[in-house]
Amino acid sequence: MKKLILYCLVCLTIILTSCSQSPDYSVLEEEAINNLPTVSGYIKDLQTNNKDYQGYKIFDSTGDEKVVVISSGNGKNVLKVNQVEQSSKDTVVTVVQIDQASEQENSYVVVQIEEIVGAFFVYERFKYEESQRFYNGESPFQ
């Protein structure tokens, strides 16, 4: 009986870990962003013409890699990536705003993801709450 329970627990653990995984990603710094002209142009527009835009935009990179610019819509706090998860159906990026004054007019973070699988979502996790806010991906400008 104990062996059966142990076997079930091992199988359940394997199934759960295979359902959701953390894809390869990196947060791009200013130097790497400057090597991507379309991304840096988009960010300049966020800082000058669209300071209140909260959302994300996906850019093609090399191969299947994608570059995602996520903006907070304000310059009060610094935006950081909390985690990136992938399943067979979707890719989810969770961001948090850190209580630190931002040097940007519209705080943003740039994430390079190895591959976006299925639907793509960006959520903001609030520091002191369990709730989340959904970021819209439709940009009002090109």
Protein backbone atom coordinates (compact mmCIF):
# COMPACT_ATOMS: atom_id res chain seq x y z
CA MET A 1 0.00 0.00 0.00
CA LYS A 2 2.81 2.42 0.90
CA LYS A 3 4.57 1.64 -2.37
CA LEU A 4 1.41 2.42 -4.31
CA ILE A 5 1.01 5.79 -2.58
CA LEU A 6 4.66 6.63 -3.15
CA TYR A 7 4.38 5.61 -6.80
CA CYS A 8 1.29 7.81 -7.24
CA LEU A 9 3.06 10.78 -5.65
CA VAL A 10 6.07 10.39 -7.94
CA CYS A 11 3.83 10.15 -11.03
CA LEU A 12 1.82 13.17 -9.94
CA THR A 13 5.00 15.20 -9.42
CA ILE A 14 6.29 14.28 -12.87
CA ILE A 15 2.98 15.21 -14.51
CA LEU A 16 2.76 18.56 -12.72
CA THR A 17 6.32 19.58 -13.55
CA SER A 18 5.86 18.72 -17.22
CA CYS A 19 2.71 20.85 -17.54
CA SER A 20 4.35 24.18 -16.82
CA GLN A 21 7.92 25.18 -17.43
CA SER A 22 10.08 28.25 -17.34
CA PRO A 23 11.35 29.09 -20.83
CA ASP A 24 14.76 30.55 -21.53
CA TYR A 25 14.49 34.32 -21.30
CA SER A 26 16.63 37.31 -20.51
CA VAL A 27 15.96 40.90 -19.55
CA LEU A 28 17.74 43.12 -22.05
CA GLU A 29 19.84 46.03 -20.85
CA GLU A 30 20.23 49.40 -22.59
CA GLU A 31 23.24 48.35 -24.68
CA ALA A 32 21.45 45.32 -26.15
CA ILE A 33 18.30 47.38 -26.76
CA ASN A 34 20.28 49.97 -28.73
CA ASN A 35 21.36 47.18 -31.12
CA LEU A 36 17.69 46.61 -32.02
CA PRO A 37 16.58 49.71 -34.00
CA THR A 38 12.85 48.92 -34.13
CA VAL A 39 12.73 48.19 -30.41
CA SER A 40 14.70 51.28 -29.43
CA GLY A 41 12.51 53.43 -31.72
CA TYR A 42 9.39 52.04 -30.06
CA ILE A 43 10.83 52.78 -26.61
CA LYS A 44 11.68 56.36 -27.60
CA ASP A 45 8.08 56.79 -28.71
CA LEU A 46 6.88 55.42 -25.34
CA GLN A 47 9.04 58.01 -23.57
CA THR A 48 7.91 61.00 -25.65
CA ASN A 49 4.51 60.55 -27.33
CA ASN A 50 2.87 57.70 -25.40
CA LYS A 51 3.91 58.23 -21.80
CA ASP A 52 0.65 56.83 -20.44
CA TYR A 53 0.47 53.67 -22.58
CA GLN A 54 0.30 50.52 -20.46
CA GLY A 55 0.74 47.31 -22.41
CA TYR A 56 3.18 45.30 -24.44
CA LYS A 57 4.42 44.86 -27.99
CA ILE A 58 6.14 41.80 -29.46
CA PHE A 59 9.02 42.11 -31.92
CA ASP A 60 10.72 39.37 -33.96
CA SER A 61 14.31 38.62 -33.10
CA THR A 62 16.57 35.87 -34.45
CA GLY A 63 14.96 32.52 -35.32
CA ASP A 64 11.98 31.79 -33.07
CA GLU A 65 13.15 34.29 -30.44
CA LYS A 66 10.90 37.23 -29.64
CA VAL A 67 11.57 40.52 -27.92
CA VAL A 68 8.73 41.90 -25.78
CA VAL A 69 8.57 45.51 -24.56
CA ILE A 70 6.27 45.85 -21.54
CA SER A 71 5.37 49.37 -20.37
CA SER A 72 3.64 50.39 -17.14
CA GLY A 73 1.99 53.63 -18.26
CA ASN A 74 3.73 55.71 -15.60
CA GLY A 75 7.19 56.66 -14.44
CA LYS A 76 6.61 56.40 -10.70
CA ASN A 77 8.13 52.95 -10.15
CA VAL A 78 10.60 50.58 -11.79
CA LEU A 79 9.10 47.65 -13.70
CA LYS A 80 10.72 44.22 -13.18
CA VAL A 81 10.05 40.71 -14.50
CA ASN A 82 8.84 38.44 -11.72
CA GLN A 83 8.61 35.21 -13.73
CA VAL A 84 8.03 33.75 -17.18
CA GLU A 85 6.06 30.53 -17.55
CA GLN A 86 5.11 28.38 -20.50
CA SER A 87 2.67 25.55 -21.00
CA SER A 88 1.61 23.73 -24.14
CA LYS A 89 -1.15 26.33 -24.59
CA ASP A 90 0.32 29.70 -23.58
CA THR A 91 3.23 31.86 -22.47
CA VAL A 92 2.81 34.14 -19.45
CA VAL A 93 5.07 36.96 -18.25
CA THR A 94 4.41 38.31 -14.76
CA VAL A 95 5.82 41.73 -13.85
CA VAL A 96 5.92 43.75 -10.63
CA GLN A 97 6.44 47.44 -9.97
CA ILE A 98 9.25 48.04 -7.48
CA ASP A 99 8.97 50.97 -5.03
CA GLN A 100 11.93 52.75 -6.55
CA ALA A 101 11.84 56.00 -8.50
CA SER A 102 12.15 55.38 -12.22
CA GLU A 103 14.35 57.45 -14.50
CA GLN A 104 11.89 56.81 -17.34
CA GLU A 105 8.76 58.77 -18.24
CA ASN A 106 6.97 55.47 -18.94
CA SER A 107 8.62 52.59 -17.05
CA TYR A 108 9.37 49.61 -19.24
CA VAL A 109 11.17 46.30 -19.27
CA VAL A 110 12.43 44.47 -22.36
CA VAL A 111 12.38 40.67 -22.33
CA GLN A 112 13.88 38.35 -24.91
CA ILE A 113 12.08 34.99 -24.92
CA GLU A 114 13.41 31.91 -26.70
CA GLU A 115 9.97 31.03 -28.08
CA ILE A 116 6.39 32.15 -27.47
CA VAL A 117 4.11 29.13 -27.35
CA GLY A 118 0.38 29.60 -27.95
CA ALA A 119 -1.40 32.63 -26.52
CA PHE A 120 0.68 35.35 -24.88
CA PHE A 121 -0.28 37.12 -21.66
CA VAL A 122 1.31 39.75 -19.42
CA TYR A 123 0.13 40.14 -15.84
CA GLU A 124 1.19 42.54 -13.12
CA ARG A 125 1.38 41.07 -9.65
CA PHE A 126 0.71 43.57 -6.91
CA LYS A 127 3.20 43.60 -4.08
CA TYR A 128 0.80 43.36 -1.14
CA GLU A 129 -2.18 41.70 -2.82
CA GLU A 130 -2.89 38.39 -4.46
CA SER A 131 -4.72 40.09 -7.33
CA GLN A 132 -3.26 40.67 -10.77
CA ARG A 133 -3.82 43.16 -13.57
CA PHE A 134 -3.88 42.11 -17.22
CA TYR A 135 -1.80 44.08 -19.73
CA ASN A 136 -3.29 44.70 -23.16
CA GLY A 137 -1.14 43.90 -26.18
CA GLU A 138 -2.79 46.09 -28.77
CA SER A 139 -0.67 49.16 -29.32
CA PRO A 140 -2.36 52.46 -30.23
CA PHE A 141 0.65 53.42 -32.33
CA GLN A 142 3.04 51.75 -34.73
